[in-house]
Structures are given as C-alpha cells and as structure tokens.
Amino acid sequence: MQSLKHHFLLAMPHQEDPNFSGSLVYLCDHDENGSMGVIVNHPLDVTLDALFDQLELGGEESPHRETPVYFGGPMHKDRGFILHRGDSDDWDSSIQVEDGIALTTSMDILQALAVGRGPEHFLVCLGCAGWDAGHMEEELKDNAWLTVEGQSNILFSMPPAERLSAAAGVLGIDLNLMTRDAGHA
C-alpha cells in the first residue's frame, strides 16, 4: 500500500456529504490502520481572538488575533489541530507529517500563539477527518476524491477560497468544468 500521508484529498464535485462538499483535506497520516487529516479550506466565523478568550489565554497583544479558525472535519470537533511549518520536537504533542510540516494538538502551541510566539505559518482547525482501515481507499475507488501530493505554499500562502482550485491545478484540472453526473460508456 502506498501511503498518502502529505497528500491532498480534493472532493469531487459530486461529493454530497455536507462535511466534505467542496473540501480540500490535507492528510497527516495514512497507513494500514486508517487515515487522518484536516480540512484546510473552510474557515469558520471564529477567529483566534475568540478562541484565546474561550481558553482564557489572554492574547490581547497577539498579532494572530484576527486569524481565522478552520472547520477541520467532523471528528473531535471540540479539539484543536494545529497544522504548521516547523518541527514536531518543539511542542508537547506533535507529529512530523513531512519535512518542515507538523501537526500539533497540545495547548503549548496555542499559548505561544497567544503571546505572539510560535510558528509563523499555521492553520488552527477544530476537528479532523478520519477514515478506518480501507474506507478512504474505497472512497477513492468510488471517485469521491482526487489525490495530489501536498504543497506547503498551497497550505500556508494561499487564501482559503483558492486552495482547492490550486491543488486541482497541480493536476491540470479545473474542478468547475467537471460534471456532477457520472457517465458510463
């Protein structure tokens, strides 16, 4: 089995699950036990300022106060998943996804962001997306998703509304030209 860790999943136009319609998922883990990732193109109507306030972290002087928080997926919606550039060794509970990209779930990274420290490039996601062993592969066979290798510039340098089309562009595809209906020859 080829791992799709550090790949994007691009929701096909016919994806009807409201959790994933129009979504770009960045896969942080994929092995024989299943898959886990975060949706990276659906900002919520919540900023880090509100999150800092809810968690009583202060943050009044943080340069990140107006940064949007993302809907990361339908699982564990009460937990934060921070995808960021950098090294997993810098944080308490973190995994290295790819060289220079880590996923952290510990409070220390939010505390650092609240006081203006921490990684310069990051996405704070509430919730994650997960698939049991073989489930994502079945969805791929059913043409629910396209895959392409992840790119940090798409994650951290592009506006959220452009990320899905940019990832499709890596494949040379315009998702707006694809039909929702399947054809059979």
N, C-alpha and C. Protein backbone atom coordinates (compact mmCIF):
# COMPACT_ATOMS: atom_id res chain seq x y z
N MET A 1 0.84 -1.18 0.00
CA MET A 1 0.00 0.00 0.00
C MET A 1 0.89 1.25 0.00
N GLN A 2 0.59 2.16 -0.91
CA GLN A 2 1.32 3.42 -0.95
C GLN A 2 0.66 4.41 0.00
N SER A 3 1.45 5.00 0.88
CA SER A 3 0.92 5.96 1.83
C SER A 3 0.58 7.27 1.14
N LEU A 4 -0.55 7.84 1.52
CA LEU A 4 -0.96 9.14 1.02
C LEU A 4 -0.73 10.25 2.05
N LYS A 5 0.09 9.95 3.05
CA LYS A 5 0.49 10.97 4.01
C LYS A 5 1.14 12.12 3.24
N HIS A 6 0.86 13.36 3.63
CA HIS A 6 1.34 14.56 2.96
C HIS A 6 0.75 14.67 1.55
N HIS A 7 -0.49 14.27 1.40
CA HIS A 7 -1.22 14.44 0.15
C HIS A 7 -2.50 15.22 0.43
N PHE A 8 -3.00 15.87 -0.60
CA PHE A 8 -4.30 16.49 -0.54
C PHE A 8 -5.34 15.52 -1.07
N LEU A 9 -6.51 15.54 -0.44
CA LEU A 9 -7.70 14.91 -1.00
C LEU A 9 -8.58 16.04 -1.49
N LEU A 10 -8.95 16.00 -2.75
CA LEU A 10 -9.80 17.02 -3.35
C LEU A 10 -11.18 16.43 -3.54
N ALA A 11 -12.17 17.00 -2.89
CA ALA A 11 -13.54 16.49 -3.02
C ALA A 11 -14.00 16.68 -4.46
N MET A 12 -14.52 15.62 -5.04
CA MET A 12 -15.08 15.70 -6.39
C MET A 12 -16.38 16.50 -6.34
N PRO A 13 -16.75 17.13 -7.45
CA PRO A 13 -17.96 17.96 -7.46
C PRO A 13 -19.23 17.22 -7.04
N HIS A 14 -19.27 15.91 -7.21
CA HIS A 14 -20.47 15.16 -6.83
C HIS A 14 -20.45 14.71 -5.36
N GLN A 15 -19.45 15.13 -4.60
CA GLN A 15 -19.37 14.79 -3.18
C GLN A 15 -20.57 15.42 -2.45
N GLU A 16 -21.44 14.59 -1.92
CA GLU A 16 -22.67 15.08 -1.32
C GLU A 16 -22.63 15.18 0.20
N ASP A 17 -21.64 14.57 0.83
CA ASP A 17 -21.53 14.65 2.28
C ASP A 17 -21.29 16.12 2.65
N PRO A 18 -22.21 16.73 3.42
CA PRO A 18 -22.05 18.15 3.74
C PRO A 18 -20.76 18.46 4.50
N ASN A 19 -20.19 17.48 5.17
CA ASN A 19 -18.93 17.71 5.87
C ASN A 19 -17.76 17.88 4.90
N PHE A 20 -17.89 17.33 3.69
CA PHE A 20 -16.76 17.30 2.77
C PHE A 20 -17.01 17.97 1.43
N SER A 21 -18.21 18.37 1.15
CA SER A 21 -18.51 19.03 -0.13
C SER A 21 -17.63 20.26 -0.30
N GLY A 22 -16.93 20.33 -1.43
CA GLY A 22 -16.06 21.47 -1.70
C GLY A 22 -14.81 21.53 -0.86
N SER A 23 -14.42 20.41 -0.27
CA SER A 23 -13.31 20.41 0.68
C SER A 23 -11.97 20.02 0.07
N LEU A 24 -10.94 20.59 0.67
CA LEU A 24 -9.57 20.17 0.43
C LEU A 24 -9.05 19.66 1.77
N VAL A 25 -8.72 18.38 1.81
CA VAL A 25 -8.23 17.74 3.03
C VAL A 25 -6.73 17.51 2.89
N TYR A 26 -5.99 17.86 3.93
CA TYR A 26 -4.56 17.56 3.96
C TYR A 26 -4.39 16.34 4.85
N LEU A 27 -3.86 15.25 4.28
CA LEU A 27 -3.69 14.01 5.03
C LEU A 27 -2.40 14.05 5.86
N CYS A 28 -2.57 13.91 7.16
CA CYS A 28 -1.45 13.93 8.10
C CYS A 28 -0.95 12.54 8.45
N ASP A 29 -1.79 11.54 8.21
CA ASP A 29 -1.40 10.16 8.49
C ASP A 29 -2.21 9.25 7.59
N HIS A 30 -1.56 8.21 7.09
CA HIS A 30 -2.24 7.21 6.26
C HIS A 30 -1.39 5.94 6.28
N ASP A 31 -1.96 4.89 6.84
CA ASP A 31 -1.27 3.60 6.87
C ASP A 31 -2.32 2.49 6.88
N GLU A 32 -1.89 1.28 7.16
CA GLU A 32 -2.81 0.14 7.13
C GLU A 32 -3.90 0.22 8.20
N ASN A 33 -3.75 1.11 9.17
CA ASN A 33 -4.75 1.26 10.23
C ASN A 33 -5.82 2.31 9.92
N GLY A 34 -5.60 3.11 8.90
CA GLY A 34 -6.57 4.14 8.55
C GLY A 34 -5.89 5.44 8.15
N SER A 35 -6.69 6.49 8.09
CA SER A 35 -6.21 7.79 7.62
C SER A 35 -6.75 8.90 8.52
N MET A 36 -5.98 9.99 8.59
CA MET A 36 -6.40 11.15 9.37
C MET A 36 -5.86 12.40 8.70
N GLY A 37 -6.71 13.42 8.64
CA GLY A 37 -6.29 14.69 8.06
C GLY A 37 -7.16 15.83 8.56
N VAL A 38 -6.92 17.01 8.03
CA VAL A 38 -7.71 18.19 8.39
C VAL A 38 -8.15 18.91 7.11
N ILE A 39 -9.37 19.43 7.13
CA ILE A 39 -9.88 20.24 6.03
C ILE A 39 -9.21 21.61 6.16
N VAL A 40 -8.65 22.09 5.05
CA VAL A 40 -7.83 23.31 5.12
C VAL A 40 -8.41 24.49 4.34
N ASN A 41 -9.65 24.38 3.89
CA ASN A 41 -10.19 25.48 3.09
C ASN A 41 -11.58 25.95 3.54
N HIS A 42 -11.98 25.60 4.75
CA HIS A 42 -13.29 26.04 5.26
C HIS A 42 -13.13 26.81 6.58
N PRO A 43 -12.81 28.13 6.48
CA PRO A 43 -12.72 28.92 7.70
C PRO A 43 -14.10 29.06 8.35
N LEU A 44 -14.09 29.05 9.67
CA LEU A 44 -15.31 29.26 10.44
C LEU A 44 -15.49 30.75 10.68
N ASP A 45 -16.63 31.13 11.21
CA ASP A 45 -16.85 32.53 11.61
C ASP A 45 -16.28 32.76 13.00
N VAL A 46 -15.10 32.23 13.24
CA VAL A 46 -14.42 32.33 14.54
C VAL A 46 -12.97 32.72 14.27
N THR A 47 -12.45 33.62 15.07
CA THR A 47 -11.04 33.99 14.95
C THR A 47 -10.28 33.46 16.17
N LEU A 48 -8.96 33.53 16.08
CA LEU A 48 -8.14 33.11 17.22
C LEU A 48 -8.42 33.96 18.44
N ASP A 49 -8.80 35.21 18.25
CA ASP A 49 -9.13 36.08 19.37
C ASP A 49 -10.23 35.44 20.23
N ALA A 50 -11.28 34.95 19.60
CA ALA A 50 -12.38 34.30 20.32
C ALA A 50 -11.90 33.01 20.98
N LEU A 51 -11.05 32.27 20.29
CA LEU A 51 -10.52 31.03 20.86
C LEU A 51 -9.62 31.32 22.06
N PHE A 52 -8.76 32.32 21.94
CA PHE A 52 -7.90 32.72 23.06
C PHE A 52 -8.76 33.10 24.26
N ASP A 53 -9.83 33.85 24.00
CA ASP A 53 -10.73 34.29 25.06
C ASP A 53 -11.42 33.09 25.73
N GLN A 54 -11.94 32.17 24.91
CA GLN A 54 -12.63 31.00 25.45
C GLN A 54 -11.70 30.14 26.30
N LEU A 55 -10.45 30.04 25.90
CA LEU A 55 -9.48 29.21 26.62
C LEU A 55 -8.75 30.00 27.71
N GLU A 56 -9.12 31.26 27.88
CA GLU A 56 -8.52 32.14 28.89
C GLU A 56 -7.01 32.22 28.74
N LEU A 57 -6.57 32.45 27.49
CA LEU A 57 -5.14 32.54 27.20
C LEU A 57 -4.65 33.98 27.06
N GLY A 58 -5.53 34.93 27.24
CA GLY A 58 -5.14 36.32 27.01
C GLY A 58 -5.14 36.58 25.52
N GLY A 59 -4.00 36.90 24.99
CA GLY A 59 -3.87 37.11 23.55
C GLY A 59 -4.16 38.51 23.08
N GLU A 60 -4.37 39.45 24.01
CA GLU A 60 -4.70 40.81 23.62
C GLU A 60 -3.62 41.44 22.74
N GLU A 61 -2.37 41.07 22.93
CA GLU A 61 -1.27 41.64 22.17
C GLU A 61 -0.81 40.73 21.02
N SER A 62 -1.47 39.61 20.83
CA SER A 62 -1.05 38.67 19.80
C SER A 62 -1.29 39.24 18.40
N PRO A 63 -0.32 39.09 17.51
CA PRO A 63 -0.53 39.52 16.12
C PRO A 63 -1.46 38.58 15.35
N HIS A 64 -1.86 37.48 15.98
CA HIS A 64 -2.67 36.46 15.32
C HIS A 64 -4.16 36.55 15.66
N ARG A 65 -4.57 37.59 16.37
CA ARG A 65 -5.94 37.69 16.88
C ARG A 65 -7.00 37.55 15.79
N GLU A 66 -6.78 38.11 14.61
CA GLU A 66 -7.78 38.09 13.55
C GLU A 66 -7.65 36.88 12.62
N THR A 67 -6.73 35.99 12.92
CA THR A 67 -6.54 34.79 12.11
C THR A 67 -7.75 33.89 12.24
N PRO A 68 -8.30 33.40 11.10
CA PRO A 68 -9.48 32.54 11.18
C PRO A 68 -9.14 31.15 11.72
N VAL A 69 -10.14 30.55 12.34
CA VAL A 69 -10.08 29.15 12.77
C VAL A 69 -10.85 28.36 11.72
N TYR A 70 -10.39 27.16 11.40
CA TYR A 70 -10.97 26.35 10.34
C TYR A 70 -11.80 25.19 10.88
N PHE A 71 -12.81 24.79 10.09
CA PHE A 71 -13.51 23.53 10.34
C PHE A 71 -12.59 22.45 9.80
N GLY A 72 -11.98 21.68 10.71
CA GLY A 72 -11.02 20.67 10.31
C GLY A 72 -11.62 19.34 9.94
N GLY A 73 -12.88 19.13 10.33
CA GLY A 73 -13.55 17.88 10.00
C GLY A 73 -14.57 17.52 11.06
N PRO A 74 -15.36 16.50 10.77
CA PRO A 74 -16.48 16.15 11.65
C PRO A 74 -16.11 15.36 12.91
N MET A 75 -14.88 14.90 13.01
CA MET A 75 -14.47 14.13 14.19
C MET A 75 -13.77 15.04 15.20
N HIS A 76 -14.00 14.80 16.48
CA HIS A 76 -13.31 15.53 17.56
C HIS A 76 -13.43 17.04 17.37
N LYS A 77 -14.64 17.52 17.10
CA LYS A 77 -14.86 18.94 16.80
C LYS A 77 -14.54 19.86 17.97
N ASP A 78 -14.37 19.30 19.16
CA ASP A 78 -14.04 20.11 20.32
C ASP A 78 -12.54 20.18 20.57
N ARG A 79 -11.75 19.58 19.68
CA ARG A 79 -10.29 19.57 19.84
C ARG A 79 -9.62 20.40 18.75
N GLY A 80 -8.53 21.02 19.12
CA GLY A 80 -7.76 21.81 18.16
C GLY A 80 -6.65 20.99 17.54
N PHE A 81 -6.50 21.14 16.24
CA PHE A 81 -5.45 20.50 15.46
C PHE A 81 -4.73 21.63 14.73
N ILE A 82 -3.47 21.87 15.09
CA ILE A 82 -2.74 22.98 14.51
C ILE A 82 -1.72 22.43 13.52
N LEU A 83 -1.96 22.71 12.26
CA LEU A 83 -1.06 22.33 11.18
C LEU A 83 -0.11 23.50 10.98
N HIS A 84 1.18 23.25 10.98
CA HIS A 84 2.12 24.36 10.94
C HIS A 84 3.45 23.97 10.31
N ARG A 85 4.14 24.99 9.86
CA ARG A 85 5.51 24.79 9.41
C ARG A 85 6.37 24.63 10.64
N GLY A 86 7.38 23.80 10.55
CA GLY A 86 8.30 23.65 11.66
C GLY A 86 8.51 22.21 12.04
N ASP A 87 9.03 22.05 13.24
CA ASP A 87 9.47 20.76 13.75
C ASP A 87 8.56 20.30 14.88
N SER A 88 8.20 19.04 14.87
CA SER A 88 7.33 18.47 15.91
C SER A 88 8.01 18.44 17.27
N ASP A 89 9.33 18.46 17.31
CA ASP A 89 10.06 18.41 18.58
C ASP A 89 9.87 19.67 19.42
N ASP A 90 9.36 20.73 18.81
CA ASP A 90 9.20 21.99 19.53
C ASP A 90 7.96 22.02 20.43
N TRP A 91 7.08 21.00 20.32
CA TRP A 91 5.79 21.04 21.01
C TRP A 91 5.52 19.72 21.74
N ASP A 92 4.66 19.78 22.76
CA ASP A 92 4.41 18.62 23.63
C ASP A 92 3.79 17.44 22.89
N SER A 93 2.76 17.68 22.12
CA SER A 93 2.06 16.59 21.44
C SER A 93 1.97 16.92 19.96
N SER A 94 2.93 16.41 19.21
CA SER A 94 3.07 16.81 17.82
C SER A 94 3.64 15.66 17.00
N ILE A 95 3.23 15.59 15.74
CA ILE A 95 3.81 14.60 14.82
C ILE A 95 4.38 15.34 13.62
N GLN A 96 5.47 14.83 13.11
CA GLN A 96 6.06 15.37 11.89
C GLN A 96 5.35 14.72 10.71
N VAL A 97 4.65 15.50 9.92
CA VAL A 97 3.93 14.97 8.76
C VAL A 97 4.88 14.83 7.59
N GLU A 98 5.65 15.87 7.36
CA GLU A 98 6.59 15.95 6.25
C GLU A 98 7.73 16.85 6.72
N ASP A 99 8.84 16.80 6.07
CA ASP A 99 9.94 17.67 6.44
C ASP A 99 9.45 19.12 6.38
N GLY A 100 9.44 19.79 7.53
CA GLY A 100 9.02 21.17 7.61
C GLY A 100 7.54 21.39 7.87
N ILE A 101 6.73 20.33 8.00
CA ILE A 101 5.30 20.46 8.29
C ILE A 101 4.95 19.50 9.43
N ALA A 102 4.32 20.03 10.48
CA ALA A 102 3.94 19.22 11.64
C ALA A 102 2.48 19.47 11.99
N LEU A 103 1.91 18.55 12.74
CA LEU A 103 0.56 18.68 13.28
C LEU A 103 0.67 18.57 14.79
N THR A 104 0.18 19.59 15.50
CA THR A 104 0.29 19.66 16.95
C THR A 104 -1.10 19.76 17.56
N THR A 105 -1.30 19.04 18.67
CA THR A 105 -2.60 19.06 19.35
C THR A 105 -2.50 19.53 20.79
N SER A 106 -1.33 19.91 21.23
CA SER A 106 -1.15 20.31 22.63
C SER A 106 -1.39 21.81 22.83
N MET A 107 -1.74 22.17 24.04
CA MET A 107 -2.08 23.54 24.39
C MET A 107 -0.88 24.48 24.30
N ASP A 108 0.34 23.96 24.42
CA ASP A 108 1.51 24.84 24.44
C ASP A 108 1.65 25.67 23.17
N ILE A 109 1.23 25.14 22.03
CA ILE A 109 1.35 25.92 20.80
C ILE A 109 0.34 27.06 20.78
N LEU A 110 -0.87 26.84 21.31
CA LEU A 110 -1.86 27.93 21.40
C LEU A 110 -1.41 29.00 22.39
N GLN A 111 -0.80 28.56 23.50
CA GLN A 111 -0.27 29.52 24.47
C GLN A 111 0.81 30.38 23.83
N ALA A 112 1.67 29.76 23.02
CA ALA A 112 2.73 30.50 22.33
C ALA A 112 2.12 31.49 21.33
N LEU A 113 1.13 31.08 20.58
CA LEU A 113 0.49 31.97 19.61
C LEU A 113 -0.20 33.13 20.30
N ALA A 114 -0.76 32.88 21.48
CA ALA A 114 -1.47 33.93 22.22
C ALA A 114 -0.54 35.05 22.67
N VAL A 115 0.74 34.74 22.84
CA VAL A 115 1.70 35.77 23.25
C VAL A 115 2.62 36.19 22.10
N GLY A 116 2.23 35.83 20.87
CA GLY A 116 2.98 36.26 19.70
C GLY A 116 4.20 35.45 19.37
N ARG A 117 4.32 34.28 19.96
CA ARG A 117 5.43 33.38 19.62
C ARG A 117 4.85 32.20 18.83
N GLY A 118 5.66 31.20 18.61
CA GLY A 118 5.18 30.03 17.89
C GLY A 118 5.47 30.13 16.41
N PRO A 119 4.93 29.20 15.65
CA PRO A 119 5.23 29.19 14.21
C PRO A 119 4.64 30.41 13.50
N GLU A 120 5.33 30.84 12.47
CA GLU A 120 4.84 31.98 11.68
C GLU A 120 3.71 31.56 10.76
N HIS A 121 3.79 30.33 10.24
CA HIS A 121 2.80 29.82 9.29
C HIS A 121 2.05 28.66 9.94
N PHE A 122 0.73 28.79 10.06
CA PHE A 122 -0.06 27.77 10.75
C PHE A 122 -1.53 27.89 10.37
N LEU A 123 -2.26 26.80 10.59
CA LEU A 123 -3.72 26.76 10.47
C LEU A 123 -4.24 26.11 11.74
N VAL A 124 -5.16 26.76 12.42
CA VAL A 124 -5.79 26.18 13.59
C VAL A 124 -7.13 25.62 13.14
N CYS A 125 -7.30 24.31 13.32
CA CYS A 125 -8.50 23.62 12.88
C CYS A 125 -9.23 23.03 14.08
N LEU A 126 -10.54 23.17 14.11
CA LEU A 126 -11.36 22.49 15.11
C LEU A 126 -11.92 21.25 14.45
N GLY A 127 -11.55 20.11 15.00
CA GLY A 127 -11.98 18.83 14.44
C GLY A 127 -11.00 18.32 13.41
N CYS A 128 -11.23 17.08 13.01
CA CYS A 128 -10.39 16.45 12.00
C CYS A 128 -11.25 15.49 11.18
N ALA A 129 -10.66 14.94 10.16
CA ALA A 129 -11.32 13.95 9.32
C ALA A 129 -10.57 12.64 9.49
N GLY A 130 -11.30 11.56 9.61
CA GLY A 130 -10.65 10.27 9.78
C GLY A 130 -11.40 9.16 9.06
N TRP A 131 -10.64 8.16 8.65
CA TRP A 131 -11.20 7.01 7.96
C TRP A 131 -10.61 5.75 8.57
N ASP A 132 -11.45 4.76 8.80
CA ASP A 132 -10.97 3.45 9.26
C ASP A 132 -10.18 2.78 8.14
N ALA A 133 -9.47 1.73 8.49
CA ALA A 133 -8.66 1.00 7.52
C ALA A 133 -9.51 0.61 6.30
N GLY A 134 -9.02 0.97 5.13
CA GLY A 134 -9.67 0.61 3.87
C GLY A 134 -10.81 1.51 3.43
N HIS A 135 -11.35 2.33 4.34
CA HIS A 135 -12.51 3.15 4.00
C HIS A 135 -12.17 4.25 2.99
N MET A 136 -11.08 4.96 3.22
CA MET A 136 -10.70 6.01 2.28
C MET A 136 -10.37 5.40 0.92
N GLU A 137 -9.71 4.25 0.90
CA GLU A 137 -9.39 3.60 -0.36
C GLU A 137 -10.65 3.26 -1.14
N GLU A 138 -11.71 2.84 -0.43
CA GLU A 138 -13.00 2.57 -1.10
C GLU A 138 -13.58 3.85 -1.68
N GLU A 139 -13.49 4.95 -0.94
CA GLU A 139 -13.98 6.23 -1.45
C GLU A 139 -13.18 6.68 -2.67
N LEU A 140 -11.88 6.40 -2.68
CA LEU A 140 -11.07 6.72 -3.85
C LEU A 140 -11.50 5.88 -5.06
N LYS A 141 -11.78 4.61 -4.84
CA LYS A 141 -12.26 3.73 -5.92
C LYS A 141 -13.60 4.20 -6.45
N ASP A 142 -14.41 4.78 -5.57
CA ASP A 142 -15.73 5.28 -5.97
C ASP A 142 -15.66 6.69 -6.57
N ASN A 143 -14.46 7.19 -6.78
CA ASN A 143 -14.23 8.51 -7.36
C ASN A 143 -14.82 9.66 -6.55
N ALA A 144 -14.80 9.52 -5.23
CA ALA A 144 -15.26 10.61 -4.36
C ALA A 144 -14.18 11.67 -4.19
N TRP A 145 -12.91 11.29 -4.43
CA TRP A 145 -11.78 12.18 -4.19
C TRP A 145 -10.76 12.06 -5.32
N LEU A 146 -10.03 13.13 -5.52
CA LEU A 146 -8.79 13.10 -6.29
C LEU A 146 -7.66 13.28 -5.28
N THR A 147 -6.48 12.82 -5.62
CA THR A 147 -5.33 12.99 -4.73
C THR A 147 -4.19 13.67 -5.49
N VAL A 148 -3.44 14.46 -4.76
CA VAL A 148 -2.22 15.08 -5.28
C VAL A 148 -1.31 15.33 -4.08
N GLU A 149 -0.01 15.26 -4.32
CA GLU A 149 0.94 15.50 -3.24
C GLU A 149 0.72 16.88 -2.64
N GLY A 150 0.81 16.95 -1.31
CA GLY A 150 0.62 18.21 -0.60
C GLY A 150 1.72 19.21 -0.93
N GLN A 151 1.36 20.48 -0.87
CA GLN A 151 2.32 21.55 -1.11
C GLN A 151 2.13 22.61 -0.04
N SER A 152 3.22 22.95 0.64
CA SER A 152 3.14 23.90 1.75
C SER A 152 2.71 25.29 1.29
N ASN A 153 3.06 25.69 0.05
CA ASN A 153 2.65 27.01 -0.40
C ASN A 153 1.12 27.10 -0.54
N ILE A 154 0.47 26.01 -0.93
CA ILE A 154 -0.99 25.99 -1.01
C ILE A 154 -1.57 26.08 0.39
N LEU A 155 -0.99 25.36 1.34
CA LEU A 155 -1.48 25.37 2.72
C LEU A 155 -1.33 26.73 3.38
N PHE A 156 -0.16 27.32 3.26
CA PHE A 156 0.16 28.47 4.10
C PHE A 156 0.25 29.82 3.39
N SER A 157 0.26 29.83 2.06
CA SER A 157 0.44 31.10 1.35
C SER A 157 -0.78 31.54 0.54
N MET A 158 -1.75 30.66 0.37
CA MET A 158 -2.91 31.00 -0.45
C MET A 158 -4.13 31.28 0.42
N PRO A 159 -5.00 32.17 -0.05
CA PRO A 159 -6.27 32.37 0.66
C PRO A 159 -7.08 31.07 0.64
N PRO A 160 -7.86 30.80 1.68
CA PRO A 160 -8.61 29.55 1.77
C PRO A 160 -9.50 29.27 0.55
N ALA A 161 -10.12 30.28 -0.01
CA ALA A 161 -11.03 30.09 -1.14
C ALA A 161 -10.31 29.64 -2.40
N GLU A 162 -8.99 29.81 -2.47
CA GLU A 162 -8.22 29.44 -3.66
C GLU A 162 -7.50 28.10 -3.52
N ARG A 163 -7.49 27.53 -2.34
CA ARG A 163 -6.68 26.33 -2.10
C ARG A 163 -7.14 25.11 -2.90
N LEU A 164 -8.45 24.87 -2.96
CA LEU A 164 -8.95 23.69 -3.68
C LEU A 164 -8.62 23.79 -5.16
N SER A 165 -8.88 24.93 -5.78
CA SER A 165 -8.61 25.07 -7.21
C SER A 165 -7.10 25.04 -7.48
N ALA A 166 -6.29 25.55 -6.56
CA ALA A 166 -4.84 25.50 -6.73
C ALA A 166 -4.34 24.06 -6.69
N ALA A 167 -4.87 23.27 -5.76
CA ALA A 167 -4.48 21.85 -5.70
C ALA A 167 -4.92 21.12 -6.96
N ALA A 168 -6.11 21.42 -7.46
CA ALA A 168 -6.58 20.80 -8.70
C ALA A 168 -5.70 21.23 -9.87
N GLY A 169 -5.24 22.48 -9.83
CA GLY A 169 -4.37 22.99 -10.88
C GLY A 169 -3.05 22.24 -10.97
N VAL A 170 -2.57 21.72 -9.85
CA VAL A 170 -1.34 20.92 -9.86
C VAL A 170 -1.54 19.70 -10.76
N LEU A 171 -2.78 19.19 -10.80
CA LEU A 171 -3.11 18.05 -11.66
C LEU A 171 -3.49 18.48 -13.08
N GLY A 172 -3.59 19.79 -13.30
CA GLY A 172 -4.02 20.29 -14.59
C GLY A 172 -5.52 20.22 -14.79
N ILE A 173 -6.26 20.25 -13.67
CA ILE A 173 -7.71 20.08 -13.70
C ILE A 173 -8.40 21.35 -13.21
N ASP A 174 -9.50 21.69 -13.86
CA ASP A 174 -10.38 22.76 -13.39
C ASP A 174 -11.65 22.07 -12.88
N LEU A 175 -11.82 22.03 -11.56
CA LEU A 175 -12.98 21.34 -10.98
C LEU A 175 -14.30 21.97 -11.42
N ASN A 176 -14.29 23.24 -11.80
CA ASN A 176 -15.52 23.89 -12.26
C ASN A 176 -16.01 23.33 -13.59
N LEU A 177 -15.15 22.69 -14.33
CA LEU A 177 -15.53 22.11 -15.63
C LEU A 177 -15.97 20.67 -15.52
N MET A 178 -15.89 20.10 -14.32
CA MET A 178 -16.28 18.71 -14.13
C MET A 178 -17.77 18.64 -13.78
N THR A 179 -18.40 17.64 -14.28
CA THR A 179 -19.83 17.45 -14.04
C THR A 179 -20.08 16.69 -12.76
N ARG A 180 -21.23 16.91 -12.19
CA ARG A 180 -21.64 16.18 -11.00
C ARG A 180 -22.14 14.79 -11.36
N ASP A 181 -22.48 14.58 -12.62
CA ASP A 181 -23.06 13.30 -13.07
C ASP A 181 -21.97 12.39 -13.61
N ALA A 182 -22.10 11.12 -13.29
CA ALA A 182 -21.17 10.13 -13.80
C ALA A 182 -21.71 9.58 -15.11
N GLY A 183 -20.82 9.28 -16.02
CA GLY A 183 -21.23 8.66 -17.28
C GLY A 183 -20.70 7.25 -17.37
N HIS A 184 -21.36 6.44 -18.15
CA HIS A 184 -20.92 5.06 -18.34
C HIS A 184 -20.91 4.76 -19.83
N ALA A 185 -19.77 4.30 -20.32
CA ALA A 185 -19.64 4.01 -21.75
C ALA A 185 -19.99 2.56 -22.02
